[in-house]
Amino acid sequence: MPTALTIADVERIAALAQLELTDEEKLLFTKQLADILAYAEQVQAIDTSGVPATAHVNAAQRTEREDEPRQSLPVEDAIANAPDAAPEAGLFRVPRVIGG
């Protein structure tokens, strides 16, 4: 049975994402998200009981490199082009992304 998605659901999701939506966007996104959920339900209904679990789609070929310690980039080179660097401290300022 398909999950019913309402405009109230889209409004709640938009509020969590701190998005302001127009009435037209709410209608459009309600339909689009309902279609996505319906497709996900179809995928979940597929019988995969005979399919072995894999961690990678190309499990027969290993593509990872060995983890070998090596010299890192010198601090002076790392901060050379930083816009707000403090070379004497080996630091540079970045914009705040949380809080504020």
N, C-alpha and C. Protein backbone atom coordinates (compact mmCIF):
# COMPACT_ATOMS: atom_id res chain seq x y z
N MET A 1 0.85 -1.18 0.00
CA MET A 1 0.00 0.00 0.00
C MET A 1 0.89 1.24 0.00
N PRO A 2 0.75 2.12 -1.00
CA PRO A 2 1.59 3.31 -1.09
C PRO A 2 1.38 4.26 0.10
N THR A 3 2.45 4.91 0.49
CA THR A 3 2.38 5.88 1.57
C THR A 3 1.82 7.18 1.02
N ALA A 4 0.80 7.71 1.66
CA ALA A 4 0.20 8.98 1.24
C ALA A 4 1.05 10.12 1.76
N LEU A 5 1.40 11.04 0.89
CA LEU A 5 2.19 12.21 1.28
C LEU A 5 1.30 13.43 1.12
N THR A 6 1.28 14.27 2.12
CA THR A 6 0.40 15.45 2.10
C THR A 6 1.23 16.73 2.01
N ILE A 7 0.54 17.79 1.71
CA ILE A 7 1.20 19.11 1.69
C ILE A 7 1.74 19.43 3.08
N ALA A 8 1.03 19.00 4.12
CA ALA A 8 1.50 19.22 5.50
C ALA A 8 2.84 18.52 5.72
N ASP A 9 3.01 17.33 5.13
CA ASP A 9 4.30 16.63 5.23
C ASP A 9 5.41 17.44 4.58
N VAL A 10 5.12 17.97 3.40
CA VAL A 10 6.12 18.78 2.68
C VAL A 10 6.42 20.05 3.47
N GLU A 11 5.42 20.66 4.06
CA GLU A 11 5.65 21.86 4.88
C GLU A 11 6.53 21.53 6.08
N ARG A 12 6.31 20.36 6.69
CA ARG A 12 7.12 19.95 7.84
C ARG A 12 8.57 19.70 7.41
N ILE A 13 8.75 19.04 6.27
CA ILE A 13 10.10 18.78 5.75
C ILE A 13 10.79 20.11 5.41
N ALA A 14 10.04 21.02 4.78
CA ALA A 14 10.61 22.33 4.43
C ALA A 14 11.01 23.10 5.68
N ALA A 15 10.21 23.01 6.73
CA ALA A 15 10.55 23.69 7.97
C ALA A 15 11.82 23.12 8.58
N LEU A 16 11.96 21.80 8.54
CA LEU A 16 13.19 21.17 9.06
C LEU A 16 14.42 21.61 8.26
N ALA A 17 14.23 21.79 6.95
CA ALA A 17 15.33 22.20 6.09
C ALA A 17 15.47 23.73 6.04
N GLN A 18 14.63 24.42 6.78
CA GLN A 18 14.61 25.88 6.82
C GLN A 18 14.43 26.47 5.42
N LEU A 19 13.46 25.92 4.70
CA LEU A 19 13.13 26.39 3.36
C LEU A 19 11.77 27.08 3.37
N GLU A 20 11.67 28.15 2.64
CA GLU A 20 10.38 28.81 2.45
C GLU A 20 9.90 28.44 1.06
N LEU A 21 8.71 27.85 0.99
CA LEU A 21 8.17 27.39 -0.29
C LEU A 21 6.89 28.15 -0.62
N THR A 22 6.71 28.40 -1.91
CA THR A 22 5.45 28.98 -2.37
C THR A 22 4.41 27.87 -2.40
N ASP A 23 3.14 28.25 -2.56
CA ASP A 23 2.08 27.24 -2.65
C ASP A 23 2.29 26.34 -3.87
N GLU A 24 2.76 26.93 -4.98
CA GLU A 24 3.02 26.13 -6.18
C GLU A 24 4.15 25.13 -5.94
N GLU A 25 5.19 25.56 -5.25
CA GLU A 25 6.30 24.65 -4.94
C GLU A 25 5.85 23.53 -4.01
N LYS A 26 4.99 23.86 -3.07
CA LYS A 26 4.49 22.83 -2.15
C LYS A 26 3.73 21.75 -2.91
N LEU A 27 2.89 22.16 -3.87
CA LEU A 27 2.15 21.20 -4.68
C LEU A 27 3.10 20.35 -5.53
N LEU A 28 4.05 21.02 -6.18
CA LEU A 28 5.01 20.31 -7.03
C LEU A 28 5.84 19.33 -6.21
N PHE A 29 6.37 19.76 -5.07
CA PHE A 29 7.23 18.90 -4.26
C PHE A 29 6.44 17.76 -3.62
N THR A 30 5.16 18.00 -3.32
CA THR A 30 4.33 16.93 -2.78
C THR A 30 4.24 15.81 -3.81
N LYS A 31 3.97 16.16 -5.07
CA LYS A 31 3.88 15.14 -6.12
C LYS A 31 5.23 14.47 -6.34
N GLN A 32 6.31 15.27 -6.44
CA GLN A 32 7.63 14.70 -6.70
C GLN A 32 8.07 13.77 -5.57
N LEU A 33 7.91 14.19 -4.34
CA LEU A 33 8.30 13.34 -3.21
C LEU A 33 7.44 12.08 -3.12
N ALA A 34 6.16 12.20 -3.43
CA ALA A 34 5.28 11.03 -3.44
C ALA A 34 5.75 10.04 -4.50
N ASP A 35 6.14 10.55 -5.67
CA ASP A 35 6.65 9.68 -6.73
C ASP A 35 7.95 8.98 -6.30
N ILE A 36 8.82 9.71 -5.64
CA ILE A 36 10.08 9.13 -5.15
C ILE A 36 9.80 8.04 -4.13
N LEU A 37 8.89 8.31 -3.20
CA LEU A 37 8.55 7.31 -2.18
C LEU A 37 7.91 6.08 -2.80
N ALA A 38 7.06 6.29 -3.82
CA ALA A 38 6.43 5.16 -4.50
C ALA A 38 7.49 4.30 -5.19
N TYR A 39 8.46 4.94 -5.82
CA TYR A 39 9.55 4.19 -6.46
C TYR A 39 10.36 3.43 -5.42
N ALA A 40 10.67 4.06 -4.30
CA ALA A 40 11.43 3.39 -3.24
C ALA A 40 10.66 2.17 -2.73
N GLU A 41 9.34 2.27 -2.64
CA GLU A 41 8.53 1.13 -2.21
C GLU A 41 8.61 0.00 -3.24
N GLN A 42 8.65 0.35 -4.54
CA GLN A 42 8.80 -0.67 -5.59
C GLN A 42 10.14 -1.39 -5.44
N VAL A 43 11.19 -0.63 -5.20
CA VAL A 43 12.52 -1.21 -5.05
C VAL A 43 12.57 -2.12 -3.83
N GLN A 44 11.95 -1.71 -2.74
CA GLN A 44 11.93 -2.53 -1.53
C GLN A 44 11.16 -3.82 -1.73
N ALA A 45 10.22 -3.84 -2.66
CA ALA A 45 9.40 -5.03 -2.89
C ALA A 45 10.14 -6.10 -3.71
N ILE A 46 11.28 -5.76 -4.29
CA ILE A 46 12.04 -6.72 -5.10
C ILE A 46 12.63 -7.80 -4.20
N ASP A 47 12.48 -9.06 -4.64
CA ASP A 47 13.02 -10.19 -3.88
C ASP A 47 14.53 -10.29 -4.12
N THR A 48 15.30 -10.00 -3.11
CA THR A 48 16.76 -10.07 -3.20
C THR A 48 17.32 -11.18 -2.34
N SER A 49 16.48 -12.13 -1.98
CA SER A 49 16.92 -13.19 -1.06
C SER A 49 18.04 -14.03 -1.66
N GLY A 50 18.11 -14.16 -2.99
CA GLY A 50 19.17 -14.96 -3.60
C GLY A 50 20.40 -14.16 -4.00
N VAL A 51 20.42 -12.89 -3.67
CA VAL A 51 21.53 -12.02 -4.05
C VAL A 51 22.47 -11.87 -2.86
N PRO A 52 23.75 -12.24 -3.03
CA PRO A 52 24.67 -12.11 -1.91
C PRO A 52 24.94 -10.64 -1.57
N ALA A 53 25.12 -10.39 -0.30
CA ALA A 53 25.42 -9.03 0.15
C ALA A 53 26.81 -8.63 -0.31
N THR A 54 26.96 -7.40 -0.73
CA THR A 54 28.27 -6.88 -1.12
C THR A 54 28.46 -5.50 -0.52
N ALA A 55 29.71 -5.17 -0.29
CA ALA A 55 30.01 -3.84 0.23
C ALA A 55 30.36 -2.90 -0.92
N HIS A 56 30.60 -3.46 -2.09
CA HIS A 56 31.02 -2.67 -3.24
C HIS A 56 30.47 -3.33 -4.49
N VAL A 57 30.00 -2.56 -5.44
CA VAL A 57 29.40 -3.15 -6.63
C VAL A 57 30.42 -3.90 -7.48
N ASN A 58 31.67 -3.58 -7.34
CA ASN A 58 32.72 -4.24 -8.11
C ASN A 58 33.61 -5.02 -7.15
N ALA A 59 32.99 -5.93 -6.39
CA ALA A 59 33.71 -6.63 -5.32
C ALA A 59 34.84 -7.51 -5.83
N ALA A 60 34.81 -7.91 -7.11
CA ALA A 60 35.85 -8.79 -7.64
C ALA A 60 37.16 -8.05 -7.87
N GLN A 61 37.11 -6.76 -7.97
CA GLN A 61 38.32 -5.99 -8.25
C GLN A 61 38.55 -4.99 -7.12
N ARG A 62 39.69 -5.06 -6.48
CA ARG A 62 40.01 -4.15 -5.38
C ARG A 62 40.59 -2.86 -5.93
N THR A 63 40.00 -1.73 -5.57
CA THR A 63 40.46 -0.46 -6.10
C THR A 63 41.10 0.43 -5.05
N GLU A 64 41.05 0.02 -3.78
CA GLU A 64 41.64 0.83 -2.73
C GLU A 64 43.16 0.66 -2.73
N ARG A 65 43.85 1.70 -2.34
CA ARG A 65 45.30 1.61 -2.22
C ARG A 65 45.66 1.23 -0.79
N GLU A 66 46.84 0.74 -0.61
CA GLU A 66 47.31 0.42 0.73
C GLU A 66 47.46 1.72 1.52
N ASP A 67 47.19 1.67 2.79
CA ASP A 67 47.32 2.83 3.65
C ASP A 67 48.75 2.89 4.15
N GLU A 68 49.54 3.71 3.50
CA GLU A 68 50.95 3.82 3.85
C GLU A 68 51.23 5.22 4.36
N PRO A 69 51.85 5.32 5.54
CA PRO A 69 52.20 6.65 6.05
C PRO A 69 53.19 7.35 5.12
N ARG A 70 52.99 8.62 4.91
CA ARG A 70 53.94 9.41 4.13
C ARG A 70 53.91 10.85 4.60
N GLN A 71 54.86 11.59 4.19
CA GLN A 71 55.02 12.98 4.61
C GLN A 71 53.82 13.82 4.18
N SER A 72 53.32 14.65 5.08
CA SER A 72 52.19 15.51 4.74
C SER A 72 52.70 16.82 4.14
N LEU A 73 51.76 17.61 3.67
CA LEU A 73 52.07 18.92 3.09
C LEU A 73 52.62 19.83 4.20
N PRO A 74 53.73 20.52 3.95
CA PRO A 74 54.26 21.44 4.98
C PRO A 74 53.22 22.52 5.32
N VAL A 75 53.14 22.89 6.59
CA VAL A 75 52.16 23.88 7.05
C VAL A 75 52.28 25.18 6.26
N GLU A 76 53.48 25.61 5.99
CA GLU A 76 53.68 26.87 5.25
C GLU A 76 53.03 26.80 3.88
N ASP A 77 53.17 25.66 3.20
CA ASP A 77 52.54 25.49 1.88
C ASP A 77 51.02 25.43 2.00
N ALA A 78 50.53 24.79 3.04
CA ALA A 78 49.09 24.63 3.22
C ALA A 78 48.40 25.97 3.44
N ILE A 79 49.03 26.88 4.14
CA ILE A 79 48.38 28.18 4.44
C ILE A 79 48.87 29.31 3.54
N ALA A 80 49.73 29.00 2.57
CA ALA A 80 50.31 30.05 1.71
C ALA A 80 49.24 30.87 0.99
N ASN A 81 48.17 30.25 0.54
CA ASN A 81 47.14 30.98 -0.22
C ASN A 81 45.87 31.21 0.58
N ALA A 82 45.90 30.95 1.87
CA ALA A 82 44.72 31.16 2.71
C ALA A 82 44.46 32.66 2.83
N PRO A 83 43.20 33.10 2.68
CA PRO A 83 42.89 34.52 2.70
C PRO A 83 43.07 35.18 4.06
N ASP A 84 42.92 34.45 5.14
CA ASP A 84 43.01 35.05 6.47
C ASP A 84 43.91 34.16 7.33
N ALA A 85 45.17 34.07 6.95
CA ALA A 85 46.09 33.15 7.62
C ALA A 85 46.82 33.81 8.77
N ALA A 86 47.23 32.99 9.72
CA ALA A 86 48.11 33.39 10.81
C ALA A 86 49.32 32.45 10.74
N PRO A 87 50.26 32.75 9.82
CA PRO A 87 51.38 31.84 9.57
C PRO A 87 52.19 31.51 10.83
N GLU A 88 52.35 32.48 11.72
CA GLU A 88 53.13 32.23 12.93
C GLU A 88 52.49 31.16 13.82
N ALA A 89 51.16 31.03 13.73
CA ALA A 89 50.45 30.02 14.52
C ALA A 89 50.17 28.76 13.70
N GLY A 90 50.38 28.85 12.37
CA GLY A 90 50.10 27.70 11.51
C GLY A 90 48.62 27.48 11.32
N LEU A 91 47.85 28.56 11.36
CA LEU A 91 46.39 28.46 11.27
C LEU A 91 45.85 29.39 10.22
N PHE A 92 44.60 29.13 9.81
CA PHE A 92 43.87 30.10 8.99
C PHE A 92 42.41 30.07 9.37
N ARG A 93 41.75 31.21 9.18
CA ARG A 93 40.36 31.36 9.60
C ARG A 93 39.44 30.89 8.48
N VAL A 94 38.36 30.21 8.89
CA VAL A 94 37.35 29.76 7.94
C VAL A 94 36.01 30.34 8.36
N PRO A 95 35.06 30.48 7.43
CA PRO A 95 33.76 31.02 7.80
C PRO A 95 33.01 30.09 8.74
N ARG A 96 32.25 30.67 9.65
CA ARG A 96 31.43 29.88 10.58
C ARG A 96 30.31 29.23 9.79
N VAL A 97 30.11 27.93 10.00
CA VAL A 97 29.05 27.22 9.30
C VAL A 97 27.99 26.67 10.25
N ILE A 98 28.26 26.67 11.55
CA ILE A 98 27.30 26.18 12.53
C ILE A 98 27.05 27.28 13.54
N GLY A 99 25.78 27.52 13.83
CA GLY A 99 25.45 28.55 14.81
C GLY A 99 25.63 29.94 14.24
N GLY A 100 25.64 30.89 15.12
CA GLY A 100 25.96 32.21 14.67
C GLY A 100 24.85 33.14 14.73
